[in-house]
Amino acid sequence: MKRILVWDLPVRLGHWLMVGGFALAWATGDSEKWRLVHVFAGSTVMAVAAYRLLWGIVGSRTARFAEFVRGPGQAFAYLKSLLLARPPHYAGHNPAAGLAIVLLLGLALASGASGWLTYQEIGGEWLEEVHEFLTGLMLAVVGVHVLGVVVGSLAHRENLVWAMVTGRKLGRPEEAIAGQRFVAALMLLAWTAAAAWWLAR
């Protein structure tokens, strides 16, 4: 195996926009002074998640859900193989990571929607509590995902965080994607900025 291009630019940009947006939204969640920043950050996460759903259908091969989303059985089988120190290598997302991605996207949309409705003073206190619960659940999934990245990096002797920066991982040449998809990345940035601005008005 050699280092090949696995993650296109929209996947990587989307990943780090969600990381930054979620961290900022979490940090400003209890501050009335930073409420607008909180809403803008949460709207960014929601907009990126919506784009990622589309990109999971029409994007590069390794970005498509059909390529990496598997059932819970395969996800747990992969986790078991990690514990046994015999994990199979995947050029793209492994089944456990695929499950985490689906959960994170769903929670990002649900948490963002409940937060936006609360911001619009729709739904009352119960919806605010739903928003806080979903955000806490998302934080828990993020924590499990980060732990999985650390364990996976050690098990495969490969820096998976850096791979999400460069887009390159170990793999067979035929597993590489064709290109970075720069136009789609620009569309992601434009969509995210417009959607976040509109939602945070």
Protein backbone atom coordinates (compact mmCIF):
# COMPACT_ATOMS: atom_id res chain seq x y z
CA MET A 1 0.00 0.00 0.00
CA LYS A 2 0.97 3.62 -0.48
CA ARG A 3 -0.48 7.03 0.39
CA ILE A 4 -3.42 7.81 -1.85
CA LEU A 5 -6.06 10.54 -2.04
CA VAL A 6 -9.11 9.25 -0.15
CA TRP A 7 -10.95 12.32 1.18
CA ASP A 8 -11.94 15.10 -1.20
CA LEU A 9 -11.93 18.77 -0.21
CA PRO A 10 -15.68 19.04 0.55
CA VAL A 11 -15.42 16.13 3.02
CA ARG A 12 -12.41 17.64 4.77
CA LEU A 13 -13.73 21.21 4.83
CA GLY A 14 -17.11 19.99 6.04
CA HIS A 15 -15.48 17.94 8.79
CA TRP A 16 -13.45 20.84 10.18
CA LEU A 17 -16.29 23.35 9.80
CA MET A 18 -18.45 21.03 11.91
CA VAL A 19 -15.67 20.59 14.46
CA GLY A 20 -15.14 24.34 14.80
CA GLY A 21 -18.83 25.19 14.69
CA PHE A 22 -19.77 22.62 17.32
CA ALA A 23 -16.92 23.64 19.63
CA LEU A 24 -17.88 27.32 19.36
CA ALA A 25 -21.58 26.60 19.83
CA TRP A 26 -20.82 24.50 22.91
CA ALA A 27 -18.56 27.17 24.39
CA THR A 28 -21.15 29.93 23.95
CA GLY A 29 -24.28 27.92 24.78
CA ASP A 30 -24.83 29.33 28.28
CA SER A 31 -23.96 32.96 27.53
CA GLU A 32 -26.66 35.48 26.67
CA LYS A 33 -23.92 37.91 25.60
CA TRP A 34 -22.67 35.48 22.94
CA ARG A 35 -26.12 34.28 21.88
CA LEU A 36 -25.81 35.45 18.28
CA VAL A 37 -22.39 33.76 17.97
CA HIS A 38 -23.93 30.59 19.40
CA VAL A 39 -26.75 30.67 16.86
CA PHE A 40 -24.40 31.37 13.96
CA ALA A 41 -22.08 28.52 15.01
CA GLY A 42 -24.98 26.10 15.42
CA SER A 43 -26.42 27.18 12.07
CA THR A 44 -23.04 26.50 10.47
CA VAL A 45 -23.05 22.96 11.84
CA MET A 46 -26.60 22.39 10.59
CA ALA A 47 -25.83 23.81 7.12
CA VAL A 48 -22.73 21.66 6.73
CA ALA A 49 -24.65 18.56 7.85
CA ALA A 50 -27.35 19.25 5.24
CA TYR A 51 -24.72 19.63 2.51
CA ARG A 52 -22.99 16.44 3.66
CA LEU A 53 -26.23 14.51 3.22
CA LEU A 54 -26.33 15.59 -0.41
CA TRP A 55 -22.61 14.93 -0.86
CA GLY A 56 -23.14 11.47 0.59
CA ILE A 57 -25.27 10.71 -2.47
CA VAL A 58 -23.55 12.54 -5.33
CA GLY A 59 -20.00 13.05 -4.02
CA SER A 60 -16.74 11.21 -4.54
CA ARG A 61 -16.83 7.44 -4.10
CA THR A 62 -15.42 7.40 -0.56
CA ALA A 63 -17.82 10.21 0.48
CA ARG A 64 -20.94 8.26 -0.53
CA PHE A 65 -22.97 6.61 2.18
CA ALA A 66 -23.33 3.50 0.04
CA GLU A 67 -19.55 3.07 0.30
CA PHE A 68 -19.20 3.06 4.10
CA VAL A 69 -22.56 2.89 5.91
CA ARG A 70 -23.06 -0.64 7.23
CA GLY A 71 -25.34 -2.18 9.82
CA PRO A 72 -24.65 -2.17 13.58
CA GLY A 73 -23.46 -5.79 13.34
CA GLN A 74 -20.53 -4.89 11.09
CA ALA A 75 -19.73 -1.84 13.20
CA PHE A 76 -19.52 -3.93 16.38
CA ALA A 77 -17.53 -6.61 14.54
CA TYR A 78 -14.98 -3.96 13.60
CA LEU A 79 -14.81 -2.71 17.20
CA LYS A 80 -14.25 -6.27 18.36
CA SER A 81 -11.42 -6.67 15.85
CA LEU A 82 -9.82 -3.54 17.35
CA LEU A 83 -9.91 -5.11 20.80
CA LEU A 84 -8.30 -8.25 19.38
CA ALA A 85 -5.63 -6.10 17.67
CA ARG A 86 -6.57 -7.52 14.26
CA PRO A 87 -8.60 -4.75 12.63
CA PRO A 88 -9.09 -4.90 8.86
CA HIS A 89 -7.80 -1.85 6.99
CA TYR A 90 -10.21 0.42 5.15
CA ALA A 91 -9.03 3.09 2.76
CA GLY A 92 -12.22 5.03 3.54
CA HIS A 93 -14.37 5.03 6.66
CA ASN A 94 -14.56 1.79 8.61
CA PRO A 95 -18.05 0.49 9.60
CA ALA A 96 -17.84 1.94 13.14
CA ALA A 97 -16.86 5.37 11.82
CA GLY A 98 -19.68 5.15 9.29
CA LEU A 99 -22.18 4.58 12.09
CA ALA A 100 -20.74 7.52 14.04
CA ILE A 101 -21.01 9.79 11.00
CA VAL A 102 -24.68 8.94 10.48
CA LEU A 103 -25.41 9.60 14.16
CA LEU A 104 -23.50 12.89 14.13
CA LEU A 105 -25.24 14.17 11.01
CA GLY A 106 -28.66 13.26 12.37
CA LEU A 107 -27.94 14.84 15.74
CA ALA A 108 -26.47 17.96 14.10
CA LEU A 109 -29.68 18.51 12.14
CA ALA A 110 -32.01 17.68 15.05
CA SER A 111 -30.06 19.73 17.58
CA GLY A 112 -29.69 22.62 15.15
CA ALA A 113 -33.38 22.63 14.22
CA SER A 114 -34.52 22.53 17.86
CA GLY A 115 -32.05 25.29 18.73
CA TRP A 116 -33.20 27.48 15.86
CA LEU A 117 -36.85 27.05 16.82
CA THR A 118 -35.95 27.97 20.40
CA TYR A 119 -34.11 31.04 19.09
CA GLN A 120 -37.29 31.99 17.21
CA GLU A 121 -39.23 31.55 20.49
CA ILE A 122 -41.20 28.64 19.06
CA GLY A 123 -41.97 25.59 21.17
CA GLY A 124 -41.32 26.92 24.63
CA GLU A 125 -39.16 25.56 27.43
CA TRP A 126 -39.67 21.88 26.56
CA LEU A 127 -38.05 22.40 23.15
CA GLU A 128 -35.09 24.14 24.77
CA GLU A 129 -34.66 21.08 26.98
CA VAL A 130 -34.83 18.84 23.91
CA HIS A 131 -32.14 20.99 22.30
CA GLU A 132 -29.89 20.67 25.35
CA PHE A 133 -30.43 16.90 25.50
CA LEU A 134 -29.63 16.42 21.80
CA THR A 135 -26.54 18.61 22.08
CA GLY A 136 -25.33 16.63 25.08
CA LEU A 137 -25.93 13.39 23.20
CA MET A 138 -24.00 14.76 20.23
CA LEU A 139 -21.10 15.66 22.53
CA ALA A 140 -21.08 12.06 23.80
CA VAL A 141 -20.98 10.68 20.25
CA VAL A 142 -18.19 13.14 19.41
CA GLY A 143 -16.24 11.84 22.40
CA VAL A 144 -16.67 8.21 21.29
CA HIS A 145 -15.69 9.19 17.74
CA VAL A 146 -12.51 10.94 18.92
CA LEU A 147 -11.62 7.89 21.03
CA GLY A 148 -12.17 5.69 17.98
CA VAL A 149 -9.87 7.90 15.90
CA VAL A 150 -7.12 7.63 18.53
CA VAL A 151 -7.49 3.84 18.83
CA GLY A 152 -7.71 3.43 15.06
CA SER A 153 -4.61 5.55 14.53
CA LEU A 154 -2.64 3.41 16.97
CA ALA A 155 -4.00 0.12 15.62
CA HIS A 156 -3.22 0.96 11.99
CA ARG A 157 -0.10 3.01 12.77
CA GLU A 158 -1.53 5.86 10.76
CA ASN A 159 -2.38 9.43 11.80
CA LEU A 160 -6.09 9.59 10.95
CA VAL A 161 -6.41 13.21 12.10
CA TRP A 162 -3.69 14.29 9.67
CA ALA A 163 -5.37 12.21 6.96
CA MET A 164 -8.47 14.38 7.39
CA VAL A 165 -6.25 17.43 6.80
CA THR A 166 -4.38 16.18 3.73
CA GLY A 167 -7.00 13.78 2.40
CA ARG A 168 -4.39 11.05 2.03
CA LYS A 169 -4.32 7.62 3.67
CA LEU A 170 -2.65 4.30 3.10
CA GLY A 171 -4.40 2.23 0.47
CA ARG A 172 -4.14 0.45 -2.83
CA PRO A 173 -3.80 2.66 -5.93
CA GLU A 174 -7.18 1.51 -7.28
CA GLU A 175 -8.86 2.74 -4.08
CA ALA A 176 -7.85 6.37 -4.70
CA ILE A 177 -10.42 9.00 -5.73
CA ALA A 178 -9.93 11.01 -8.90
CA GLY A 179 -9.61 14.54 -7.55
CA GLN A 180 -10.18 17.16 -4.87
CA ARG A 181 -13.52 18.52 -6.19
CA PHE A 182 -12.65 22.20 -5.74
CA VAL A 183 -15.91 23.54 -7.23
CA ALA A 184 -17.98 21.47 -4.80
CA ALA A 185 -15.84 22.79 -1.94
CA LEU A 186 -16.53 26.39 -3.01
CA MET A 187 -20.24 25.54 -3.22
CA LEU A 188 -20.06 24.16 0.33
CA LEU A 189 -18.50 27.38 1.63
CA ALA A 190 -21.02 29.58 -0.21
CA TRP A 191 -24.00 27.48 0.95
CA THR A 192 -22.79 27.35 4.55
CA ALA A 193 -22.18 31.10 4.75
CA ALA A 194 -25.55 31.95 3.20
CA ALA A 195 -27.53 29.43 5.25
CA ALA A 196 -25.84 30.35 8.53
CA TRP A 197 -26.38 34.06 7.89
CA TRP A 198 -30.06 33.52 7.06
CA LEU A 199 -30.73 31.25 10.05
CA ALA A 200 -28.94 33.56 12.50
CA ARG A 201 -30.83 36.71 11.47
